[in-house]
Protein backbone atom coordinates (compact mmCIF):
# COMPACT_ATOMS: atom_id res chain seq x y z
CA UNK A 1 -27.80 -22.93 18.94
CA UNK A 2 -29.57 -20.07 20.72
CA UNK A 3 -31.15 -21.19 24.00
CA UNK A 4 -29.15 -24.44 23.82
CA UNK A 5 -27.03 -25.54 26.78
CA UNK A 6 -23.86 -27.41 25.84
CA UNK A 7 -21.56 -29.15 28.33
CA UNK A 8 -18.09 -29.92 26.97
CA UNK A 9 -15.23 -31.61 28.80
CA UNK A 10 -11.55 -30.96 28.13
CA UNK A 11 -12.41 -27.41 27.12
CA UNK A 12 -9.24 -25.58 28.16
CA UNK A 13 -7.27 -26.10 24.97
CA UNK A 14 -7.09 -27.70 21.55
CA UNK A 15 -10.21 -29.15 19.98
CA UNK A 16 -12.27 -28.70 23.14
CA UNK A 17 -11.52 -25.00 23.31
CA UNK A 18 -12.26 -24.52 19.60
CA UNK A 19 -15.50 -26.47 19.88
CA UNK A 20 -16.53 -24.28 22.81
CA UNK A 21 -15.64 -21.13 20.90
CA UNK A 22 -17.56 -22.10 17.74
CA UNK A 23 -20.68 -23.23 19.61
CA UNK A 24 -20.65 -20.07 21.72
CA UNK A 25 -20.42 -18.03 18.51
CA UNK A 26 -23.57 -19.81 17.34
CA UNK A 27 -25.37 -18.62 20.47
CA UNK A 28 -25.08 -21.67 22.71
CA UNK A 29 -24.70 -21.40 26.47
CA UNK A 30 -21.44 -23.33 26.84
CA UNK A 31 -20.44 -24.99 30.10
CA UNK A 32 -16.70 -25.58 29.93
CA UNK A 33 -15.23 -28.35 32.10
CA UNK A 34 -11.50 -28.00 32.68
CA UNK A 35 -8.94 -29.57 35.01
CA UNK A 36 -6.51 -26.69 35.54
CA UNK A 37 -8.04 -23.53 37.07
CA UNK A 38 -5.66 -21.03 35.45
CA UNK A 39 -5.85 -22.54 31.97
CA UNK A 40 -9.60 -22.82 32.40
CA UNK A 41 -9.89 -19.14 33.28
CA UNK A 42 -7.90 -18.08 30.24
CA UNK A 43 -9.93 -20.40 27.99
CA UNK A 44 -13.22 -19.05 29.32
CA UNK A 45 -12.12 -15.48 28.58
CA UNK A 46 -11.26 -16.54 25.03
CA UNK A 47 -14.64 -18.22 24.49
CA UNK A 48 -16.47 -15.26 26.03
CA UNK A 49 -15.03 -13.01 23.33
CA UNK A 50 -16.66 -15.19 20.67
CA UNK A 51 -20.01 -15.67 22.39
CA UNK A 52 -23.08 -14.27 20.65
CA UNK A 53 -25.35 -15.47 23.44
CA UNK A 54 -24.86 -16.20 27.15
CA UNK A 55 -21.36 -15.97 28.60
CA UNK A 56 -19.73 -19.41 29.09
CA UNK A 57 -19.64 -21.05 32.50
CA UNK A 58 -16.52 -22.73 33.87
CA UNK A 59 -16.45 -25.85 36.04
CA UNK A 60 -13.55 -28.00 37.21
CA UNK A 61 -12.96 -31.73 37.39
CA UNK A 62 -10.11 -34.22 37.31
CA UNK A 63 -11.23 -37.07 35.08
CA UNK A 64 -8.70 -39.43 36.68
CA UNK A 65 -10.83 -39.29 39.85
CA UNK A 66 -14.31 -40.75 40.04
CA UNK A 67 -14.93 -38.70 43.19
CA UNK A 68 -14.14 -35.55 41.24
CA UNK A 69 -16.51 -36.60 38.44
CA UNK A 70 -19.29 -37.20 40.94
CA UNK A 71 -18.73 -33.79 42.51
CA UNK A 72 -18.88 -32.27 39.04
CA UNK A 73 -22.16 -34.05 38.31
CA UNK A 74 -23.62 -32.89 41.64
CA UNK A 75 -22.69 -29.28 40.87
CA UNK A 76 -24.16 -29.50 37.38
CA UNK A 77 -27.39 -30.97 38.73
CA UNK A 78 -27.66 -28.17 41.30
CA UNK A 79 -27.18 -25.42 38.70
CA UNK A 80 -28.86 -26.63 35.51
CA UNK A 81 -32.25 -28.20 34.80
CA UNK A 82 -31.27 -29.71 31.46
CA UNK A 83 -28.40 -30.22 29.03
CA UNK A 84 -29.12 -30.07 25.32
CA UNK A 85 -25.73 -31.41 24.24
CA UNK A 86 -23.14 -33.32 26.26
CA UNK A 87 -19.77 -33.52 24.50
CA UNK A 88 -17.31 -36.00 26.01
CA UNK A 89 -14.18 -34.44 24.56
CA UNK A 90 -11.55 -34.89 27.27
CA UNK A 91 -8.87 -37.49 26.58
CA UNK A 92 -5.23 -38.22 27.30
CA UNK A 93 -2.30 -40.50 26.55
CA UNK A 94 0.30 -41.65 29.09
CA UNK A 95 3.81 -42.95 28.40
CA UNK A 96 3.78 -45.49 31.26
CA UNK A 97 1.24 -47.52 33.15
CA UNK A 98 -0.08 -45.62 36.14
CA UNK A 99 -3.03 -46.26 38.45
CA UNK A 100 -5.57 -43.72 39.61
CA UNK A 101 -6.59 -43.30 43.25
CA UNK A 102 -9.30 -45.90 42.58
CA UNK A 103 -6.62 -48.35 41.39
CA UNK A 104 -7.61 -48.15 37.71
CA UNK A 105 -5.18 -47.82 34.82
CA UNK A 106 -5.07 -44.13 33.94
CA UNK A 107 -5.77 -44.29 30.18
CA UNK A 108 -8.75 -46.55 30.71
CA UNK A 109 -10.00 -44.36 33.55
CA UNK A 110 -9.69 -40.98 31.83
CA UNK A 111 -10.62 -41.90 28.27
CA UNK A 112 -13.36 -44.47 28.85
CA UNK A 113 -14.64 -44.72 32.42
CA UNK A 114 -14.82 -40.94 32.91
CA UNK A 115 -17.22 -40.29 30.00
CA UNK A 116 -19.08 -43.51 30.84
CA UNK A 117 -19.66 -42.34 34.40
CA UNK A 118 -20.37 -38.69 33.65
CA UNK A 119 -22.83 -39.52 30.89
CA UNK A 120 -24.78 -41.89 33.09
CA UNK A 121 -24.82 -39.43 35.98
CA UNK A 122 -26.20 -36.69 33.73
CA UNK A 123 -28.29 -38.75 31.32
CA UNK A 124 -31.60 -37.63 32.80
CA UNK A 125 -30.62 -33.98 32.32
CA UNK A 126 -29.90 -34.67 28.65
CA UNK A 127 -33.19 -36.56 28.50
CA UNK A 128 -34.99 -33.48 29.86
CA UNK A 129 -34.04 -31.54 26.71
CA UNK A 130 -36.42 -31.50 23.79
CA UNK A 131 -33.85 -33.35 21.66
CA UNK A 132 -30.79 -34.15 23.76
CA UNK A 133 -27.53 -35.20 22.17
CA UNK A 134 -24.56 -37.12 23.60
CA UNK A 135 -21.33 -36.94 21.63
CA UNK A 136 -18.11 -38.77 22.46
CA UNK A 137 -14.83 -37.90 20.74
CA UNK A 138 -13.04 -41.06 19.61
CA UNK A 139 -10.67 -41.76 16.72
CA UNK A 140 -10.67 -43.49 13.37
CA UNK A 141 -7.50 -45.30 14.46
CA UNK A 142 -9.27 -47.18 17.25
CA UNK A 143 -8.19 -50.74 18.03
CA UNK A 144 -9.58 -53.66 16.00
CA UNK A 145 -9.65 -56.03 18.97
CA UNK A 146 -10.29 -56.00 22.71
CA UNK A 147 -8.57 -58.39 25.11
CA UNK A 148 -10.60 -58.37 28.30
CA UNK A 149 -7.69 -60.01 30.13
CA UNK A 150 -5.56 -56.99 29.26
CA UNK A 151 -8.24 -54.30 29.50
CA UNK A 152 -6.09 -52.16 31.79
CA UNK A 153 -2.69 -53.24 30.54
CA UNK A 154 -2.44 -55.89 33.27
CA UNK A 155 -0.37 -58.29 31.12
CA UNK A 156 1.48 -55.77 28.97
CA UNK A 157 1.33 -52.03 28.51
CA UNK A 158 2.10 -49.94 25.47
CA UNK A 159 0.98 -46.32 25.44
CA UNK A 160 -0.31 -46.44 21.86
CA UNK A 161 -2.15 -49.73 22.37
CA UNK A 162 -3.77 -48.35 25.53
CA UNK A 163 -4.87 -45.23 23.69
CA UNK A 164 -6.22 -47.08 20.63
CA UNK A 165 -8.05 -49.49 22.94
CA UNK A 166 -9.70 -46.63 24.81
CA UNK A 167 -10.92 -45.13 21.53
CA UNK A 168 -12.56 -48.45 20.62
CA UNK A 169 -14.16 -48.45 24.06
CA UNK A 170 -15.59 -45.00 23.34
CA UNK A 171 -17.29 -46.36 20.24
CA UNK A 172 -18.56 -49.51 21.96
CA UNK A 173 -20.01 -47.32 24.71
CA UNK A 174 -21.65 -45.05 22.12
CA UNK A 175 -23.33 -47.90 20.27
CA UNK A 176 -24.50 -49.59 23.45
CA UNK A 177 -25.86 -46.38 24.99
CA UNK A 178 -27.62 -45.52 21.74
CA UNK A 179 -29.35 -48.87 21.91
CA UNK A 180 -30.38 -48.37 25.52
CA UNK A 181 -31.63 -44.88 24.78
CA UNK A 182 -33.57 -45.92 21.70
CA UNK A 183 -36.97 -45.11 23.18
CA UNK A 184 -35.92 -41.76 24.63
CA UNK A 185 -35.48 -38.33 23.06
CA UNK A 186 -31.67 -38.64 23.33
CA UNK A 187 -29.39 -39.39 20.41
CA UNK A 188 -25.91 -40.76 20.96
CA UNK A 189 -23.04 -40.58 18.47
CA UNK A 190 -19.27 -40.81 18.36
CA UNK A 191 -16.79 -39.03 16.12
CA UNK A 192 -13.20 -38.58 15.06
CA UNK A 193 -11.89 -35.02 14.77
CA UNK A 194 -8.91 -36.33 12.81
CA UNK A 195 -5.29 -35.56 13.68
CA UNK A 196 -4.87 -31.98 14.90
CA UNK A 197 -2.06 -29.74 16.06
CA UNK A 198 -2.84 -29.58 19.78
CA UNK A 199 -1.08 -30.10 23.11
CA UNK A 200 -2.07 -33.78 23.01
CA UNK A 201 0.87 -35.96 24.06
CA UNK A 202 2.94 -33.08 25.42
CA UNK A 203 2.73 -34.64 28.90
CA UNK A 204 4.79 -37.67 27.92
CA UNK A 205 8.49 -38.24 28.59
CA UNK A 206 11.37 -40.24 27.18
CA UNK A 207 11.07 -42.09 23.88
CA UNK A 208 7.23 -42.03 23.82
CA UNK A 209 7.37 -38.22 23.72
CA UNK A 210 9.18 -38.38 20.39
CA UNK A 211 6.13 -39.95 18.74
CA UNK A 212 3.81 -36.89 18.93
CA UNK A 213 6.70 -34.50 18.40
CA UNK A 214 7.72 -36.16 15.14
CA UNK A 215 4.16 -36.70 13.91
CA UNK A 216 3.18 -33.07 14.49
CA UNK A 217 6.03 -31.94 12.24
CA UNK A 218 4.35 -33.54 9.21
CA UNK A 219 2.55 -30.47 7.80
CA UNK A 220 -0.01 -32.21 5.59
CA UNK A 221 -1.07 -34.70 8.29
CA UNK A 222 -2.31 -32.42 11.08
CA UNK A 223 -5.00 -29.77 10.78
CA UNK A 224 -5.72 -26.78 12.99
CA UNK A 225 -7.86 -27.30 16.15
CA UNK A 226 -10.47 -24.99 14.60
CA UNK A 227 -10.84 -27.26 11.60
CA UNK A 228 -10.71 -30.40 13.71
CA UNK A 229 -13.61 -29.09 15.83
CA UNK A 230 -15.97 -28.91 12.87
CA UNK A 231 -17.37 -32.43 13.23
CA UNK A 232 -18.18 -31.93 16.89
CA UNK A 233 -19.88 -28.62 16.08
CA UNK A 234 -21.79 -30.21 13.23
CA UNK A 235 -23.10 -33.08 15.38
CA UNK A 236 -23.99 -30.68 18.20
CA UNK A 237 -25.89 -28.22 16.04
CA UNK A 238 -26.97 -29.55 12.65
CA UNK A 239 -30.72 -30.18 12.30
CA UNK A 240 -30.15 -32.93 9.76
CA UNK A 241 -28.65 -35.22 12.42
CA UNK A 242 -31.18 -34.37 15.12
CA UNK A 243 -32.58 -37.92 15.10
CA UNK A 244 -29.49 -39.82 13.97
CA UNK A 245 -28.14 -42.10 16.68
CA UNK A 246 -25.67 -44.91 17.18
CA UNK A 247 -23.34 -43.74 14.43
CA UNK A 248 -19.73 -42.68 13.94
CA UNK A 249 -18.71 -39.55 12.05
CA UNK A 250 -15.55 -38.14 10.54
CA UNK A 251 -15.32 -34.95 8.47
CA UNK A 252 -19.01 -34.45 9.30
CA UNK A 253 -19.94 -37.63 7.43
CA UNK A 254 -21.01 -41.01 8.72
CA UNK A 255 -18.34 -43.70 8.33
CA UNK A 256 -18.10 -47.33 9.36
CA UNK A 257 -15.99 -48.39 12.31
CA UNK A 258 -14.05 -51.63 12.70
CA UNK A 259 -16.04 -54.90 12.83
CA UNK A 260 -15.51 -55.52 16.55
CA UNK A 261 -17.24 -52.22 17.37
CA UNK A 262 -20.54 -53.71 16.16
CA UNK A 263 -20.26 -56.83 18.37
CA UNK A 264 -23.11 -56.43 20.85
CA UNK A 265 -21.74 -59.11 23.18
CA UNK A 266 -18.43 -57.25 23.44
CA UNK A 267 -20.19 -53.94 24.05
CA UNK A 268 -22.42 -55.42 26.70
CA UNK A 269 -19.51 -57.07 28.50
CA UNK A 270 -17.56 -53.81 28.49
CA UNK A 271 -20.63 -51.99 29.83
CA UNK A 272 -21.04 -54.47 32.70
CA UNK A 273 -17.35 -54.20 33.63
CA UNK A 274 -17.58 -50.42 33.49
CA UNK A 275 -20.63 -50.50 35.75
CA UNK A 276 -18.73 -52.51 38.35
CA UNK A 277 -15.70 -50.25 38.19
CA UNK A 278 -17.85 -47.15 38.67
CA UNK A 279 -19.73 -48.80 41.54
CA UNK A 280 -23.10 -48.64 39.76
CA UNK A 281 -24.11 -45.46 41.59
CA UNK A 282 -25.16 -43.76 38.36
CA UNK A 283 -28.64 -42.81 37.25
CA UNK A 284 -29.86 -45.70 35.09
CA UNK A 285 -30.83 -45.40 31.47
CA UNK A 286 -33.70 -47.22 29.86
CA UNK A 287 -33.33 -50.93 29.13
CA UNK A 288 -33.92 -52.08 25.56
CA UNK A 289 -34.89 -55.09 23.52
CA UNK A 290 -31.46 -56.29 22.36
CA UNK A 291 -32.87 -58.06 19.32
CA UNK A 292 -33.88 -54.62 18.02
CA UNK A 293 -30.38 -53.33 18.68
CA UNK A 294 -28.85 -56.24 16.82
CA UNK A 295 -31.02 -55.57 13.78
CA UNK A 296 -30.10 -51.89 13.81
CA UNK A 297 -26.34 -52.43 14.12
CA UNK A 298 -26.34 -55.00 11.33
CA UNK A 299 -27.76 -52.50 8.83
């Protein structure tokens, strides 16, 4: 990873921190994006101790705010000429339905719209790399259906349903972007790190908080953040996946996702909705022949 620039979101703790540490140890120049300044500072110091190449950089953004994401993209564009690997790692779960300042349900905004917007704003920088890679952290327990009339929990809200839905949206976005980027030098993949012992879910209250607390007490179910980061590190660095695109990985191996994730009509509709909700002010990616995409996804 020497001379490689890697941007990773949600880098202050858990899998994001471990991914940053391992890639820095491989020689990558890691740009850590964090929300909390103090936690970000501590995380950067930790990653710096592991770095075998350039010292990591630290940037801040609140992924619940599109304005904050745009400011982040502007700062990145002013400081860096290219990004070799963009890792959309940040994610969250919320015990009750809340709206962001843009009036968007928080889970949908943070887990799906934020990586959608940031990736599109920075896509040309990834395209400027010799072999750019976009990775989005999802989950193997993503939803098997998508109700567009309840996309933001408008009719009913359950914190687990909202989370599983957002992980499906990550995969749909990955497959659609991979299709649109087919004639570029950029590869696009999604992955599951598997269940890990992190701070994920610690922000919740009441009965929903019991779910992560109980689950994390099952010793054989959750792995360490360092182990969970391996698939992200593999996809960011391994030469054998340099030209692999539009795929989903778990335990560093390609696996199939649920049938709905391969529905091009669903992916395209989600993309169009996401464009409207992010005001379409992003740098555009290349259009594609959708018949080619359909053939590729059916194999």
